[in-house]
Amino acid sequence: MDDDFTLLSAWRSGDAAAGRQLVERHFGAVYRFFANKVAGEVDDLIQETFLACVEGLERFRGAATFRTYLFAVARNKLYRYWRDRKPAATPDWSVSRLADSQVAPADALAKGQEQRLLLQTLRMLPLDLQVLIELSYFESLTDREVAAIIEVPVGTIKSRLRKGRQLLYAHMAATADASLAASTQRGFDGWCASIRRHMGREGG
């Protein structure tokens, strides 16, 4: 069991200080996960995610790293959030995208045109691909970790990432002027790293 699971277990047993330490350590990562996908309820979803981690500890102890466990819980909370807001039909997130829901929560946090374009065009991807790319490039998770979180075979991750980046670059080319699109594509890894630094609020 890694140190995070030790803190989680202590929190579940009533150690509030352990809970604060765990939240401070991972708050930024969970904030980033939700910030470009929902508008006004990010803090509520963060709180729900950490509480669900505490409540579900026995089911996951020893079966995953804490980060894969945490992001799997966050992903479930995100998909339930959007299912509840689309009651007429269960969304197919391999197709449906958040741009269709007119969500633009993270744009104000962008530090430049390239960051803003990247965040905007990520929301133009099907949500499944948006989650995949953000976990891989914002959080630097391995293919195996991402596969565990999104529940797909690890061998499919590279092809999905390739497809996601191709779609993302196509949206950039269609959305922005040629020089901005080219700059964002050329420095893609660096812009993702800068978003990680600037969109953490605290921790993570």
N, C-alpha and C. Protein backbone atom coordinates (compact mmCIF):
# COMPACT_ATOMS: atom_id res chain seq x y z
N MET A 1 0.85 -1.20 0.00
CA MET A 1 0.00 0.00 0.00
C MET A 1 0.89 1.25 0.00
N ASP A 2 0.67 2.22 -0.92
CA ASP A 2 1.51 3.40 -0.93
C ASP A 2 1.07 4.39 0.15
N ASP A 3 1.87 5.43 0.32
CA ASP A 3 1.64 6.38 1.40
C ASP A 3 0.27 7.04 1.29
N ASP A 4 -0.20 7.29 0.09
CA ASP A 4 -1.51 7.91 -0.09
C ASP A 4 -2.61 7.01 0.45
N PHE A 5 -2.53 5.73 0.18
CA PHE A 5 -3.53 4.82 0.73
C PHE A 5 -3.45 4.76 2.25
N THR A 6 -2.25 4.88 2.81
CA THR A 6 -2.11 4.93 4.26
C THR A 6 -2.82 6.15 4.83
N LEU A 7 -2.63 7.30 4.17
CA LEU A 7 -3.34 8.51 4.59
C LEU A 7 -4.85 8.35 4.44
N LEU A 8 -5.27 7.75 3.34
CA LEU A 8 -6.70 7.55 3.10
C LEU A 8 -7.31 6.66 4.18
N SER A 9 -6.61 5.60 4.53
CA SER A 9 -7.09 4.69 5.57
C SER A 9 -7.18 5.42 6.91
N ALA A 10 -6.17 6.24 7.21
CA ALA A 10 -6.20 7.00 8.46
C ALA A 10 -7.35 8.00 8.47
N TRP A 11 -7.59 8.63 7.33
CA TRP A 11 -8.70 9.57 7.21
C TRP A 11 -10.02 8.86 7.47
N ARG A 12 -10.18 7.70 6.88
CA ARG A 12 -11.41 6.94 7.08
C ARG A 12 -11.59 6.57 8.55
N SER A 13 -10.49 6.39 9.26
CA SER A 13 -10.55 6.02 10.68
C SER A 13 -10.73 7.23 11.59
N GLY A 14 -10.85 8.42 10.98
CA GLY A 14 -11.14 9.61 11.77
C GLY A 14 -10.01 10.59 11.91
N ASP A 15 -8.89 10.36 11.24
CA ASP A 15 -7.74 11.25 11.33
C ASP A 15 -7.91 12.40 10.34
N ALA A 16 -8.44 13.52 10.82
CA ALA A 16 -8.72 14.65 9.94
C ALA A 16 -7.44 15.24 9.36
N ALA A 17 -6.36 15.22 10.11
CA ALA A 17 -5.09 15.76 9.61
C ALA A 17 -4.59 14.95 8.42
N ALA A 18 -4.76 13.63 8.46
CA ALA A 18 -4.38 12.79 7.32
C ALA A 18 -5.21 13.15 6.10
N GLY A 19 -6.50 13.41 6.32
CA GLY A 19 -7.37 13.80 5.22
C GLY A 19 -6.94 15.11 4.59
N ARG A 20 -6.61 16.09 5.43
CA ARG A 20 -6.16 17.38 4.90
C ARG A 20 -4.87 17.23 4.10
N GLN A 21 -3.96 16.40 4.60
CA GLN A 21 -2.70 16.19 3.89
C GLN A 21 -2.93 15.55 2.54
N LEU A 22 -3.82 14.57 2.49
CA LEU A 22 -4.11 13.89 1.23
C LEU A 22 -4.76 14.83 0.23
N VAL A 23 -5.73 15.61 0.69
CA VAL A 23 -6.42 16.55 -0.20
C VAL A 23 -5.44 17.60 -0.72
N GLU A 24 -4.61 18.15 0.17
CA GLU A 24 -3.64 19.15 -0.26
C GLU A 24 -2.68 18.59 -1.31
N ARG A 25 -2.33 17.33 -1.15
CA ARG A 25 -1.38 16.69 -2.07
C ARG A 25 -1.97 16.52 -3.46
N HIS A 26 -3.25 16.26 -3.56
CA HIS A 26 -3.86 15.89 -4.84
C HIS A 26 -4.93 16.87 -5.32
N PHE A 27 -5.17 17.93 -4.57
CA PHE A 27 -6.23 18.86 -4.94
C PHE A 27 -6.02 19.42 -6.34
N GLY A 28 -4.79 19.84 -6.63
CA GLY A 28 -4.53 20.46 -7.93
C GLY A 28 -4.84 19.55 -9.10
N ALA A 29 -4.49 18.28 -8.97
CA ALA A 29 -4.74 17.33 -10.05
C ALA A 29 -6.23 17.12 -10.27
N VAL A 30 -6.99 17.01 -9.18
CA VAL A 30 -8.43 16.81 -9.32
C VAL A 30 -9.09 18.09 -9.83
N TYR A 31 -8.60 19.24 -9.38
CA TYR A 31 -9.11 20.50 -9.91
C TYR A 31 -8.91 20.58 -11.42
N ARG A 32 -7.71 20.26 -11.88
CA ARG A 32 -7.45 20.28 -13.33
C ARG A 32 -8.39 19.34 -14.07
N PHE A 33 -8.64 18.18 -13.47
CA PHE A 33 -9.49 17.19 -14.14
C PHE A 33 -10.87 17.77 -14.44
N PHE A 34 -11.45 18.50 -13.49
CA PHE A 34 -12.81 19.01 -13.66
C PHE A 34 -12.87 20.39 -14.31
N ALA A 35 -11.80 21.18 -14.22
CA ALA A 35 -11.89 22.60 -14.57
C ALA A 35 -12.26 22.86 -16.01
N ASN A 36 -11.86 21.99 -16.94
CA ASN A 36 -12.17 22.20 -18.35
C ASN A 36 -13.36 21.36 -18.81
N LYS A 37 -14.14 20.86 -17.84
CA LYS A 37 -15.24 19.96 -18.20
C LYS A 37 -16.57 20.33 -17.56
N VAL A 38 -16.56 21.16 -16.52
CA VAL A 38 -17.80 21.64 -15.91
C VAL A 38 -17.62 23.13 -15.64
N ALA A 39 -18.73 23.81 -15.39
CA ALA A 39 -18.67 25.25 -15.21
C ALA A 39 -18.63 25.65 -13.74
N GLY A 40 -19.76 25.59 -13.05
CA GLY A 40 -19.85 26.20 -11.73
C GLY A 40 -19.79 25.27 -10.55
N GLU A 41 -19.56 23.99 -10.76
CA GLU A 41 -19.65 23.05 -9.65
C GLU A 41 -18.35 22.25 -9.45
N VAL A 42 -17.25 22.85 -9.81
CA VAL A 42 -15.96 22.15 -9.70
C VAL A 42 -15.67 21.77 -8.26
N ASP A 43 -15.82 22.72 -7.33
CA ASP A 43 -15.49 22.43 -5.94
C ASP A 43 -16.37 21.33 -5.37
N ASP A 44 -17.65 21.32 -5.73
CA ASP A 44 -18.55 20.26 -5.25
C ASP A 44 -18.08 18.90 -5.76
N LEU A 45 -17.69 18.83 -7.02
CA LEU A 45 -17.25 17.56 -7.59
C LEU A 45 -15.93 17.10 -6.98
N ILE A 46 -15.05 18.04 -6.67
CA ILE A 46 -13.81 17.68 -5.98
C ILE A 46 -14.12 17.06 -4.63
N GLN A 47 -14.99 17.72 -3.87
CA GLN A 47 -15.35 17.19 -2.55
C GLN A 47 -15.99 15.81 -2.67
N GLU A 48 -16.91 15.65 -3.62
CA GLU A 48 -17.56 14.36 -3.81
C GLU A 48 -16.55 13.27 -4.17
N THR A 49 -15.55 13.64 -4.97
CA THR A 49 -14.54 12.67 -5.39
C THR A 49 -13.73 12.16 -4.20
N PHE A 50 -13.25 13.07 -3.37
CA PHE A 50 -12.46 12.63 -2.22
C PHE A 50 -13.30 11.83 -1.23
N LEU A 51 -14.54 12.24 -1.01
CA LEU A 51 -15.39 11.48 -0.09
C LEU A 51 -15.68 10.09 -0.64
N ALA A 52 -15.88 9.99 -1.95
CA ALA A 52 -16.12 8.68 -2.56
C ALA A 52 -14.88 7.79 -2.45
N CYS A 53 -13.70 8.39 -2.51
CA CYS A 53 -12.47 7.61 -2.32
C CYS A 53 -12.43 7.01 -0.92
N VAL A 54 -12.83 7.80 0.07
CA VAL A 54 -12.86 7.30 1.45
C VAL A 54 -13.87 6.18 1.58
N GLU A 55 -15.07 6.40 1.06
CA GLU A 55 -16.15 5.42 1.22
C GLU A 55 -15.87 4.12 0.49
N GLY A 56 -15.13 4.18 -0.61
CA GLY A 56 -14.90 2.97 -1.41
C GLY A 56 -13.54 2.33 -1.19
N LEU A 57 -12.88 2.67 -0.09
CA LEU A 57 -11.51 2.23 0.12
C LEU A 57 -11.33 0.72 0.03
N GLU A 58 -12.21 -0.05 0.66
CA GLU A 58 -12.03 -1.51 0.68
C GLU A 58 -12.05 -2.12 -0.71
N ARG A 59 -12.82 -1.53 -1.61
CA ARG A 59 -12.95 -2.11 -2.94
C ARG A 59 -11.69 -1.94 -3.78
N PHE A 60 -10.87 -0.96 -3.43
CA PHE A 60 -9.73 -0.65 -4.29
C PHE A 60 -8.38 -0.84 -3.62
N ARG A 61 -8.34 -1.07 -2.36
CA ARG A 61 -7.06 -1.17 -1.66
C ARG A 61 -6.21 -2.28 -2.28
N GLY A 62 -4.99 -1.92 -2.68
CA GLY A 62 -4.07 -2.90 -3.24
C GLY A 62 -4.31 -3.21 -4.71
N ALA A 63 -5.41 -2.72 -5.28
CA ALA A 63 -5.74 -3.04 -6.67
C ALA A 63 -5.27 -1.97 -7.65
N ALA A 64 -4.77 -0.85 -7.14
CA ALA A 64 -4.38 0.25 -8.02
C ALA A 64 -3.45 1.18 -7.25
N THR A 65 -2.74 2.04 -7.97
CA THR A 65 -2.06 3.14 -7.29
C THR A 65 -3.13 4.13 -6.86
N PHE A 66 -2.78 4.99 -5.91
CA PHE A 66 -3.79 5.94 -5.45
C PHE A 66 -4.21 6.86 -6.58
N ARG A 67 -3.28 7.30 -7.43
CA ARG A 67 -3.64 8.23 -8.50
C ARG A 67 -4.62 7.59 -9.49
N THR A 68 -4.40 6.33 -9.85
CA THR A 68 -5.36 5.71 -10.76
C THR A 68 -6.71 5.55 -10.09
N TYR A 69 -6.71 5.20 -8.81
CA TYR A 69 -7.96 5.10 -8.04
C TYR A 69 -8.66 6.45 -8.01
N LEU A 70 -7.92 7.51 -7.68
CA LEU A 70 -8.50 8.84 -7.56
C LEU A 70 -9.11 9.30 -8.88
N PHE A 71 -8.37 9.15 -9.97
CA PHE A 71 -8.89 9.61 -11.26
C PHE A 71 -10.03 8.73 -11.77
N ALA A 72 -10.03 7.45 -11.44
CA ALA A 72 -11.16 6.60 -11.82
C ALA A 72 -12.42 7.07 -11.11
N VAL A 73 -12.31 7.43 -9.84
CA VAL A 73 -13.46 7.95 -9.10
C VAL A 73 -13.89 9.29 -9.69
N ALA A 74 -12.93 10.17 -9.98
CA ALA A 74 -13.26 11.47 -10.57
C ALA A 74 -13.96 11.30 -11.92
N ARG A 75 -13.49 10.39 -12.72
CA ARG A 75 -14.12 10.14 -14.03
C ARG A 75 -15.56 9.67 -13.85
N ASN A 76 -15.79 8.78 -12.91
CA ASN A 76 -17.16 8.32 -12.66
C ASN A 76 -18.05 9.48 -12.22
N LYS A 77 -17.53 10.35 -11.37
CA LYS A 77 -18.30 11.51 -10.92
C LYS A 77 -18.61 12.44 -12.09
N LEU A 78 -17.64 12.65 -12.97
CA LEU A 78 -17.85 13.51 -14.13
C LEU A 78 -18.93 12.97 -15.04
N TYR A 79 -18.87 11.68 -15.36
CA TYR A 79 -19.84 11.11 -16.29
C TYR A 79 -21.23 11.09 -15.67
N ARG A 80 -21.30 10.85 -14.37
CA ARG A 80 -22.61 10.90 -13.72
C ARG A 80 -23.16 12.32 -13.72
N TYR A 81 -22.30 13.30 -13.51
CA TYR A 81 -22.71 14.71 -13.54
C TYR A 81 -23.38 15.03 -14.86
N TRP A 82 -22.76 14.63 -15.97
CA TRP A 82 -23.33 14.96 -17.27
C TRP A 82 -24.53 14.07 -17.62
N ARG A 83 -24.54 12.83 -17.17
CA ARG A 83 -25.74 12.00 -17.38
C ARG A 83 -26.96 12.62 -16.71
N ASP A 84 -26.76 13.14 -15.51
CA ASP A 84 -27.87 13.74 -14.78
C ASP A 84 -28.39 15.00 -15.46
N ARG A 85 -27.58 15.62 -16.28
CA ARG A 85 -28.00 16.84 -16.97
C ARG A 85 -28.48 16.58 -18.39
N LYS A 86 -28.48 15.34 -18.79
CA LYS A 86 -29.01 14.94 -20.10
C LYS A 86 -29.98 13.78 -19.89
N PRO A 87 -31.10 14.03 -19.19
CA PRO A 87 -31.98 12.92 -18.80
C PRO A 87 -32.71 12.26 -19.95
N ALA A 88 -32.81 12.92 -21.08
CA ALA A 88 -33.58 12.34 -22.18
C ALA A 88 -32.92 11.08 -22.74
N ALA A 89 -31.61 11.02 -22.68
CA ALA A 89 -30.89 9.85 -23.22
C ALA A 89 -29.52 9.79 -22.58
N THR A 90 -29.00 8.60 -22.43
CA THR A 90 -27.65 8.43 -21.90
C THR A 90 -26.64 8.85 -22.97
N PRO A 91 -25.80 9.83 -22.69
CA PRO A 91 -24.85 10.30 -23.71
C PRO A 91 -23.85 9.20 -24.10
N ASP A 92 -23.50 9.19 -25.37
CA ASP A 92 -22.42 8.32 -25.84
C ASP A 92 -21.16 9.17 -25.88
N TRP A 93 -20.30 9.02 -24.86
CA TRP A 93 -19.16 9.91 -24.74
C TRP A 93 -18.02 9.56 -25.69
N SER A 94 -18.19 8.52 -26.48
CA SER A 94 -17.24 8.30 -27.56
C SER A 94 -17.55 9.23 -28.74
N VAL A 95 -18.72 9.89 -28.67
CA VAL A 95 -19.16 10.81 -29.72
C VAL A 95 -19.46 12.20 -29.15
N SER A 96 -20.23 12.24 -28.05
CA SER A 96 -20.67 13.51 -27.48
C SER A 96 -19.49 14.30 -26.92
N ARG A 97 -19.59 15.60 -27.04
CA ARG A 97 -18.48 16.46 -26.62
C ARG A 97 -19.02 17.62 -25.80
N LEU A 98 -18.17 18.20 -24.97
CA LEU A 98 -18.62 19.26 -24.08
C LEU A 98 -18.80 20.58 -24.79
N ALA A 99 -18.20 20.75 -25.96
CA ALA A 99 -18.44 21.97 -26.73
C ALA A 99 -19.92 22.11 -27.06
N ASP A 100 -20.61 20.99 -27.21
CA ASP A 100 -22.04 21.02 -27.50
C ASP A 100 -22.85 21.49 -26.29
N SER A 101 -22.27 21.44 -25.10
CA SER A 101 -22.95 21.87 -23.88
C SER A 101 -22.61 23.30 -23.51
N GLN A 102 -21.85 23.99 -24.35
CA GLN A 102 -21.46 25.38 -24.16
C GLN A 102 -20.76 25.60 -22.82
N VAL A 103 -19.90 24.68 -22.46
CA VAL A 103 -19.11 24.80 -21.24
C VAL A 103 -17.80 25.49 -21.59
N ALA A 104 -17.46 26.56 -20.88
CA ALA A 104 -16.18 27.24 -21.11
C ALA A 104 -15.57 27.66 -19.78
N PRO A 105 -15.43 26.74 -18.83
CA PRO A 105 -15.03 27.12 -17.48
C PRO A 105 -13.58 27.52 -17.33
N ALA A 106 -12.69 26.92 -18.11
CA ALA A 106 -11.26 27.08 -17.84
C ALA A 106 -10.61 28.17 -18.68
N ASP A 107 -11.32 28.73 -19.64
CA ASP A 107 -10.68 29.67 -20.56
C ASP A 107 -10.09 30.87 -19.83
N ALA A 108 -10.79 31.34 -18.78
CA ALA A 108 -10.30 32.51 -18.05
C ALA A 108 -8.99 32.23 -17.33
N LEU A 109 -8.66 30.96 -17.12
CA LEU A 109 -7.43 30.59 -16.43
C LEU A 109 -6.23 30.50 -17.37
N ALA A 110 -6.50 30.53 -18.67
CA ALA A 110 -5.41 30.38 -19.64
C ALA A 110 -4.46 31.57 -19.56
N LYS A 111 -3.17 31.31 -19.74
CA LYS A 111 -2.15 32.34 -19.62
C LYS A 111 -1.71 32.90 -20.97
N GLY A 112 -2.30 32.44 -22.04
CA GLY A 112 -1.94 32.94 -23.35
C GLY A 112 -2.83 32.34 -24.41
N GLN A 113 -2.64 32.80 -25.64
CA GLN A 113 -3.49 32.35 -26.74
C GLN A 113 -3.38 30.85 -26.98
N GLU A 114 -2.17 30.31 -26.88
CA GLU A 114 -1.99 28.88 -27.14
C GLU A 114 -2.70 28.04 -26.09
N GLN A 115 -2.56 28.41 -24.82
CA GLN A 115 -3.27 27.67 -23.77
C GLN A 115 -4.78 27.75 -23.99
N ARG A 116 -5.27 28.94 -24.32
CA ARG A 116 -6.71 29.10 -24.52
C ARG A 116 -7.20 28.26 -25.69
N LEU A 117 -6.46 28.26 -26.79
CA LEU A 117 -6.85 27.46 -27.94
C LEU A 117 -6.84 25.97 -27.59
N LEU A 118 -5.83 25.54 -26.87
CA LEU A 118 -5.74 24.13 -26.49
C LEU A 118 -6.93 23.72 -25.63
N LEU A 119 -7.29 24.53 -24.64
CA LEU A 119 -8.42 24.21 -23.77
C LEU A 119 -9.73 24.20 -24.55
N GLN A 120 -9.90 25.18 -25.44
CA GLN A 120 -11.13 25.26 -26.23
C GLN A 120 -11.27 24.05 -27.15
N THR A 121 -10.21 23.68 -27.83
CA THR A 121 -10.32 22.59 -28.79
C THR A 121 -10.38 21.23 -28.10
N LEU A 122 -9.85 21.11 -26.90
CA LEU A 122 -10.04 19.86 -26.15
C LEU A 122 -11.52 19.60 -25.92
N ARG A 123 -12.29 20.66 -25.67
CA ARG A 123 -13.73 20.47 -25.45
C ARG A 123 -14.48 20.15 -26.73
N MET A 124 -13.82 20.30 -27.86
CA MET A 124 -14.44 19.91 -29.13
C MET A 124 -14.28 18.43 -29.42
N LEU A 125 -13.44 17.75 -28.65
CA LEU A 125 -13.28 16.30 -28.81
C LEU A 125 -14.41 15.57 -28.11
N PRO A 126 -14.72 14.34 -28.55
CA PRO A 126 -15.59 13.50 -27.73
C PRO A 126 -15.01 13.41 -26.32
N LEU A 127 -15.87 13.41 -25.30
CA LEU A 127 -15.40 13.47 -23.93
C LEU A 127 -14.42 12.35 -23.60
N ASP A 128 -14.65 11.15 -24.14
CA ASP A 128 -13.72 10.05 -23.88
C ASP A 128 -12.30 10.41 -24.30
N LEU A 129 -12.17 11.06 -25.46
CA LEU A 129 -10.84 11.45 -25.94
C LEU A 129 -10.28 12.64 -25.16
N GLN A 130 -11.15 13.56 -24.78
CA GLN A 130 -10.69 14.69 -23.96
C GLN A 130 -10.08 14.20 -22.65
N VAL A 131 -10.80 13.28 -21.99
CA VAL A 131 -10.30 12.72 -20.73
C VAL A 131 -8.97 12.01 -20.96
N LEU A 132 -8.90 11.21 -22.01
CA LEU A 132 -7.68 10.45 -22.32
C LEU A 132 -6.49 11.38 -22.50
N ILE A 133 -6.65 12.42 -23.31
CA ILE A 133 -5.53 13.32 -23.59
C ILE A 133 -5.13 14.10 -22.35
N GLU A 134 -6.10 14.58 -21.60
CA GLU A 134 -5.76 15.37 -20.42
C GLU A 134 -5.05 14.52 -19.36
N LEU A 135 -5.49 13.28 -19.18
CA LEU A 135 -4.80 12.41 -18.22
C LEU A 135 -3.37 12.12 -18.68
N SER A 136 -3.21 11.89 -19.97
CA SER A 136 -1.89 11.53 -20.49
C SER A 136 -0.93 12.71 -20.49
N TYR A 137 -1.40 13.89 -20.93
CA TYR A 137 -0.50 15.01 -21.15
C TYR A 137 -0.51 16.03 -20.02
N PHE A 138 -1.64 16.26 -19.37
CA PHE A 138 -1.65 17.18 -18.23
C PHE A 138 -1.07 16.50 -17.00
N GLU A 139 -1.40 15.22 -16.80
CA GLU A 139 -1.02 14.53 -15.56
C GLU A 139 0.17 13.59 -15.74
N SER A 140 0.65 13.42 -16.96
CA SER A 140 1.83 12.57 -17.25
C SER A 140 1.65 11.15 -16.75
N LEU A 141 0.44 10.62 -16.87
CA LEU A 141 0.19 9.23 -16.48
C LEU A 141 0.68 8.29 -17.58
N THR A 142 1.07 7.09 -17.20
CA THR A 142 1.52 6.10 -18.17
C THR A 142 0.32 5.52 -18.92
N ASP A 143 0.61 4.86 -20.03
CA ASP A 143 -0.46 4.20 -20.78
C ASP A 143 -1.19 3.19 -19.90
N ARG A 144 -0.45 2.45 -19.10
CA ARG A 144 -1.07 1.45 -18.23
C ARG A 144 -1.99 2.11 -17.20
N GLU A 145 -1.55 3.22 -16.63
CA GLU A 145 -2.37 3.93 -15.65
C GLU A 145 -3.64 4.47 -16.30
N VAL A 146 -3.50 5.08 -17.47
CA VAL A 146 -4.68 5.62 -18.17
C VAL A 146 -5.64 4.51 -18.53
N ALA A 147 -5.13 3.39 -19.00
CA ALA A 147 -5.99 2.25 -19.36
C ALA A 147 -6.78 1.77 -18.15
N ALA A 148 -6.15 1.74 -16.98
CA ALA A 148 -6.85 1.31 -15.77
C ALA A 148 -7.95 2.29 -15.40
N ILE A 149 -7.71 3.57 -15.61
CA ILE A 149 -8.69 4.59 -15.25
C ILE A 149 -9.90 4.55 -16.17
N ILE A 150 -9.66 4.47 -17.48
CA ILE A 150 -10.78 4.55 -18.43
C ILE A 150 -11.30 3.17 -18.83
N GLU A 151 -10.70 2.14 -18.27
CA GLU A 151 -11.19 0.76 -18.42
C GLU A 151 -11.18 0.28 -19.88
N VAL A 152 -9.99 0.40 -20.48
CA VAL A 152 -9.79 -0.13 -21.84
C VAL A 152 -8.48 -0.91 -21.85
N PRO A 153 -8.26 -1.78 -22.84
CA PRO A 153 -6.99 -2.50 -22.92
C PRO A 153 -5.82 -1.54 -23.09
N VAL A 154 -4.73 -1.80 -22.40
CA VAL A 154 -3.58 -0.89 -22.46
C VAL A 154 -3.04 -0.78 -23.88
N GLY A 155 -3.17 -1.82 -24.68
CA GLY A 155 -2.67 -1.79 -26.04
C GLY A 155 -3.39 -0.83 -26.96
N THR A 156 -4.55 -0.31 -26.54
CA THR A 156 -5.31 0.62 -27.38
C THR A 156 -4.98 2.08 -27.09
N ILE A 157 -4.22 2.35 -26.04
CA ILE A 157 -4.03 3.73 -25.61
C ILE A 157 -3.28 4.55 -26.65
N LYS A 158 -2.20 4.03 -27.20
CA LYS A 158 -1.40 4.81 -28.16
C LYS A 158 -2.21 5.17 -29.40
N SER A 159 -3.00 4.22 -29.90
CA SER A 159 -3.81 4.52 -31.09
C SER A 159 -4.90 5.54 -30.76
N ARG A 160 -5.46 5.46 -29.57
CA ARG A 160 -6.48 6.45 -29.17
C ARG A 160 -5.86 7.83 -29.01
N LEU A 161 -4.67 7.88 -28.42
CA LEU A 161 -3.99 9.17 -28.30
C LEU A 161 -3.66 9.76 -29.66
N ARG A 162 -3.22 8.93 -30.58
CA ARG A 162 -2.91 9.40 -31.93
C ARG A 162 -4.17 9.96 -32.59
N LYS A 163 -5.27 9.24 -32.47
CA LYS A 163 -6.54 9.72 -33.03
C LYS A 163 -6.96 11.03 -32.38
N GLY A 164 -6.82 11.10 -31.05
CA GLY A 164 -7.21 12.31 -30.33
C GLY A 164 -6.41 13.52 -30.75
N ARG A 165 -5.10 13.36 -30.89
CA ARG A 165 -4.27 14.49 -31.31
C ARG A 165 -4.57 14.90 -32.74
N GLN A 166 -4.84 13.95 -33.62
CA GLN A 166 -5.19 14.30 -34.99
C GLN A 166 -6.47 15.13 -35.03
N LEU A 167 -7.48 14.71 -34.27
CA LEU A 167 -8.73 15.48 -34.21
C LEU A 167 -8.50 16.85 -33.59
N LEU A 168 -7.70 16.88 -32.53
CA LEU A 168 -7.42 18.13 -31.85
C LEU A 168 -6.74 19.12 -32.79
N TYR A 169 -5.75 18.65 -33.53
CA TYR A 169 -5.04 19.53 -34.46
C TYR A 169 -5.95 20.00 -35.59
N ALA A 170 -6.86 19.13 -36.02
CA ALA A 170 -7.81 19.54 -37.06
C ALA A 170 -8.72 20.65 -36.54
N HIS A 171 -9.18 20.54 -35.30
CA HIS A 171 -10.01 21.59 -34.71
C HIS A 171 -9.21 22.88 -34.55
N MET A 172 -7.95 22.78 -34.18
CA MET A 172 -7.12 23.98 -34.08
C MET A 172 -7.01 24.68 -35.42
N ALA A 173 -6.76 23.89 -36.47
CA ALA A 173 -6.61 24.47 -37.80
C ALA A 173 -7.90 25.14 -38.27
N ALA A 174 -9.05 24.57 -37.88
CA ALA A 174 -10.33 25.12 -38.30
C ALA A 174 -10.77 26.30 -37.44
N THR A 175 -10.23 26.42 -36.23
CA THR A 175 -10.70 27.41 -35.26
C THR A 175 -9.85 28.66 -35.23
N ALA A 176 -8.54 28.51 -35.38
CA ALA A 176 -7.61 29.63 -35.18
C ALA A 176 -6.89 29.96 -36.47
N ASP A 177 -6.22 31.13 -36.47
CA ASP A 177 -5.41 31.46 -37.64
C ASP A 177 -4.22 30.50 -37.72
N ALA A 178 -3.64 30.43 -38.88
CA ALA A 178 -2.64 29.40 -39.16
C ALA A 178 -1.43 29.49 -38.24
N SER A 179 -0.98 30.71 -37.94
CA SER A 179 0.22 30.84 -37.11
C SER A 179 -0.03 30.40 -35.67
N LEU A 180 -1.20 30.73 -35.12
CA LEU A 180 -1.53 30.31 -33.76
C LEU A 180 -1.71 28.80 -33.69
N ALA A 181 -2.42 28.24 -34.67
CA ALA A 181 -2.60 26.78 -34.68
C ALA A 181 -1.26 26.07 -34.77
N ALA A 182 -0.38 26.58 -35.63
CA ALA A 182 0.93 25.95 -35.80
C ALA A 182 1.76 26.06 -34.53
N SER A 183 1.72 27.22 -33.88
CA SER A 183 2.47 27.41 -32.64
C SER A 183 1.97 26.48 -31.53
N THR A 184 0.66 26.32 -31.45
CA THR A 184 0.09 25.46 -30.42
C THR A 184 0.43 24.00 -30.68
N GLN A 185 0.36 23.59 -31.94
CA GLN A 185 0.70 22.21 -32.28
C GLN A 185 2.19 21.93 -32.07
N ARG A 186 3.01 22.86 -32.48
CA ARG A 186 4.46 22.66 -32.40
C ARG A 186 4.92 22.53 -30.95
N GLY A 187 4.32 23.30 -30.08
CA GLY A 187 4.71 23.27 -28.67
C GLY A 187 3.73 22.53 -27.79
N PHE A 188 3.04 21.54 -28.36
CA PHE A 188 1.94 20.87 -27.66
C PHE A 188 2.34 20.37 -26.27
N ASP A 189 3.43 19.63 -26.18
CA ASP A 189 3.84 19.08 -24.88
C ASP A 189 4.13 20.20 -23.88
N GLY A 190 4.77 21.25 -24.35
CA GLY A 190 5.08 22.36 -23.46
C GLY A 190 3.85 23.11 -22.99
N TRP A 191 2.87 23.29 -23.88
CA TRP A 191 1.64 23.97 -23.47
C TRP A 191 0.87 23.12 -22.47
N CYS A 192 0.88 21.81 -22.65
CA CYS A 192 0.23 20.93 -21.66
C CYS A 192 0.91 21.06 -20.31
N ALA A 193 2.24 21.10 -20.32
CA ALA A 193 2.98 21.24 -19.06
C ALA A 193 2.68 22.58 -18.40
N SER A 194 2.54 23.63 -19.20
CA SER A 194 2.25 24.94 -18.62
C SER A 194 0.85 24.98 -18.04
N ILE A 195 -0.09 24.28 -18.66
CA ILE A 195 -1.44 24.20 -18.09
C ILE A 195 -1.39 23.46 -16.76
N ARG A 196 -0.60 22.41 -16.68
CA ARG A 196 -0.45 21.70 -15.40
C ARG A 196 0.04 22.66 -14.31
N ARG A 197 1.00 23.52 -14.64
CA ARG A 197 1.54 24.44 -13.64
C ARG A 197 0.53 25.52 -13.26
N HIS A 198 -0.20 26.02 -14.23
CA HIS A 198 -1.02 27.20 -13.99
C HIS A 198 -2.45 26.88 -13.56
N MET A 199 -2.89 25.65 -13.75
CA MET A 199 -4.28 25.32 -13.42
C MET A 199 -4.39 24.43 -12.19
N GLY A 200 -3.42 24.48 -11.30
CA GLY A 200 -3.46 23.60 -10.13
C GLY A 200 -4.06 24.23 -8.90
N ARG A 201 -4.17 25.54 -8.85
CA ARG A 201 -4.63 26.30 -7.68
C ARG A 201 -3.80 26.00 -6.45
N GLU A 202 -3.73 24.75 -6.05
CA GLU A 202 -2.88 24.36 -4.92
C GLU A 202 -2.72 22.87 -5.00
N GLY A 203 -1.60 22.37 -4.52
CA GLY A 203 -1.38 20.93 -4.54
C GLY A 203 -1.24 20.41 -5.94
N GLY A 204 -1.26 19.05 -6.09
CA GLY A 204 -1.25 18.40 -7.39
C GLY A 204 0.01 18.57 -8.16
